[in-house]
Protein backbone atom coordinates (compact mmCIF):
# COMPACT_ATOMS: atom_id res chain seq x y z
CA MET A 1 8.85 -3.75 23.66
CA PRO A 2 7.38 -5.15 20.41
CA THR A 3 9.44 -4.78 17.26
CA LEU A 4 8.02 -3.77 13.89
CA ARG A 5 9.62 -5.82 11.15
CA PHE A 6 9.20 -5.84 7.40
CA GLU A 7 9.43 -8.85 5.16
CA GLN A 8 9.16 -9.44 1.46
CA PRO A 9 6.56 -12.15 0.89
CA ASP A 10 8.72 -14.98 -0.38
CA ASP A 11 6.45 -17.92 0.44
CA ASP A 12 2.74 -18.67 0.30
CA ASN A 13 2.22 -17.87 3.99
CA LYS A 14 3.57 -14.33 3.63
CA LEU A 15 1.82 -13.89 0.28
CA GLU A 16 -1.39 -14.90 2.02
CA ASP A 17 -0.71 -12.33 4.77
CA TRP A 18 -0.20 -9.62 2.13
CA ARG A 19 -3.41 -10.74 0.39
CA TYR A 20 -5.35 -10.70 3.66
CA VAL A 21 -4.39 -7.08 4.41
CA HIS A 22 -5.10 -5.99 0.83
CA ASN A 23 -8.53 -7.62 0.82
CA GLU A 24 -9.45 -6.21 4.25
CA ILE A 25 -8.53 -2.66 3.19
CA ILE A 26 -9.79 -2.95 -0.38
CA PRO A 27 -12.87 -5.19 -0.30
CA ALA A 28 -13.98 -3.74 -3.64
CA ASP A 29 -11.03 -5.43 -5.37
CA PRO A 30 -10.41 -8.80 -3.67
CA LEU A 31 -7.37 -10.72 -4.85
CA SER A 32 -6.72 -14.46 -4.95
CA LEU A 33 -3.39 -15.97 -3.94
CA ASP A 34 -2.63 -16.46 -7.66
CA ASP A 35 -3.33 -12.75 -8.25
CA VAL A 36 -0.79 -11.88 -5.54
CA ARG A 37 1.77 -14.25 -7.04
CA GLY A 38 1.44 -12.28 -10.28
CA ARG A 39 1.84 -8.96 -8.48
CA VAL A 40 4.96 -10.01 -6.62
CA ALA A 41 6.58 -10.66 -10.01
CA ARG A 42 5.85 -7.08 -11.17
CA HIS A 43 5.92 -5.00 -7.98
CA HIS A 44 7.82 -4.79 -4.73
CA LEU A 45 5.59 -6.07 -1.93
CA GLU A 46 6.24 -6.01 1.81
CA VAL A 47 4.39 -7.28 4.85
CA ALA A 48 4.71 -5.63 8.28
CA TYR A 49 4.53 -7.52 11.56
CA LEU A 50 4.60 -6.27 15.13
CA ASP A 51 6.56 -9.17 16.53
CA GLU A 52 4.42 -12.01 15.08
CA VAL A 53 1.22 -9.97 14.64
CA LEU A 54 0.30 -8.91 11.09
CA VAL A 55 -0.28 -5.14 10.97
CA GLY A 56 -0.04 -4.09 7.32
CA CYS A 57 1.47 -4.36 3.89
CA SER A 58 2.76 -2.17 1.09
CA THR A 59 3.13 -2.09 -2.66
CA VAL A 60 5.66 -0.20 -4.75
CA ARG A 61 4.94 -0.13 -8.45
CA PRO A 62 8.24 0.68 -10.16
CA PRO A 63 8.50 3.98 -12.03
CA GLN A 64 6.99 4.32 -15.47
CA ASP A 65 7.81 7.58 -17.21
CA GLY A 66 9.36 8.74 -13.92
CA THR A 67 6.25 8.09 -11.77
CA ALA A 68 6.07 5.35 -9.15
CA THR A 69 3.05 4.33 -7.10
CA VAL A 70 3.52 3.68 -3.37
CA ILE A 71 0.64 2.23 -1.37
CA ALA A 72 0.75 1.55 2.39
CA ARG A 73 -2.07 -0.39 4.06
CA VAL A 74 -2.57 -0.85 7.80
CA LEU A 75 -5.25 -2.99 9.38
CA PRO A 76 -7.80 -0.86 11.29
CA GLY A 77 -6.82 -2.15 14.75
CA HIS A 78 -3.23 -0.98 14.23
CA ARG A 79 -3.78 2.49 12.79
CA GLY A 80 -2.61 5.67 14.47
CA GLN A 81 0.62 4.11 15.77
CA GLY A 82 2.98 5.18 12.99
CA PHE A 83 3.02 1.87 11.11
CA GLY A 84 1.57 3.38 7.94
CA GLY A 85 4.20 6.10 7.96
CA ARG A 86 6.99 3.58 8.30
CA LEU A 87 5.56 1.42 5.49
CA TYR A 88 5.10 4.46 3.28
CA ASP A 89 8.60 5.86 4.00
CA ARG A 90 10.20 2.52 3.12
CA GLY A 91 8.21 2.36 -0.11
CA ALA A 92 8.97 5.95 -1.09
CA GLU A 93 12.68 5.43 -0.44
CA LEU A 94 12.67 2.35 -2.68
CA ALA A 95 10.72 4.18 -5.39
CA ARG A 96 13.32 6.96 -5.41
CA ARG A 97 16.18 4.45 -5.56
CA LEU A 98 14.43 2.90 -8.58
CA GLY A 99 14.44 6.31 -10.27
CA ALA A 100 11.05 7.80 -9.41
CA GLU A 101 10.82 11.53 -9.94
CA VAL A 102 7.15 11.61 -8.94
CA ILE A 103 5.32 9.52 -6.33
CA GLU A 104 1.63 8.73 -6.46
CA THR A 105 -0.70 6.71 -4.31
CA ILE A 106 -4.16 5.30 -4.91
CA VAL A 107 -6.85 5.14 -2.22
CA LEU A 108 -10.34 3.67 -2.32
CA GLY A 109 -12.79 6.46 -1.50
CA THR A 110 -14.43 4.50 1.31
CA ASN A 111 -11.06 4.37 3.11
CA ALA A 112 -11.35 7.68 4.97
CA ASP A 113 -8.30 6.87 7.12
CA GLY A 114 -6.23 6.26 3.97
CA LEU A 115 -7.34 9.55 2.40
CA ARG A 116 -6.53 11.47 5.61
CA PHE A 117 -3.12 9.75 5.77
CA ALA A 118 -2.32 10.75 2.17
CA HIS A 119 -3.43 14.36 2.68
CA ARG A 120 -1.39 14.66 5.89
CA ARG A 121 1.62 13.43 3.91
CA GLY A 122 1.12 16.25 1.39
CA PHE A 123 -0.53 14.28 -1.42
CA VAL A 124 -3.03 16.14 -3.60
CA GLU A 125 -5.70 14.52 -5.71
CA VAL A 126 -4.94 14.42 -9.43
CA ASP A 127 -7.59 11.97 -10.62
CA ARG A 128 -10.72 10.20 -9.48
CA TYR A 129 -12.49 7.38 -11.23
CA ALA A 130 -15.37 5.01 -10.60
CA ALA A 131 -14.77 1.28 -10.93
CA GLY A 132 -18.26 0.26 -9.89
CA VAL A 133 -21.48 1.65 -8.50
CA ASP A 134 -20.02 2.65 -5.12
CA GLU A 135 -16.30 2.30 -5.85
CA VAL A 136 -14.47 5.57 -6.33
CA TRP A 137 -10.67 5.48 -6.50
CA HIS A 138 -8.54 8.54 -5.79
CA THR A 139 -5.15 8.98 -7.39
CA LEU A 140 -3.04 11.37 -5.34
CA ARG A 141 0.40 12.77 -6.08
CA LEU A 142 3.09 14.53 -4.12
CA PRO A 143 3.50 18.03 -5.60
């Protein structure tokens, strides 16, 4: 049976895997490898593999004023198998250990699967903003 494993991207290959998932899920905000190197210095990033197959990634932005942002991303071919839930749960647990009192997530409006995932988890929308002509971002928070 395949094993889901999580790794912090500590070399360029894993950083590239994290970048690949991010850019596939969020084509409106593509990142370069240098962008990801900057993020790994500020945020906690993880990459998820099913055995050796890349399935997703996550970001935990440490708490500011008690609020942390946890984002789980799963490649379309691997959705509906619980991987997003496991990525999210790991991120939320870390956010709480870092002192988060409130957890938010951010989802690109064109990512219907991501919005459904957040709503099923109990998130409610607290903000929406446009970053381009067709780019609407939803900020959701656990009540």
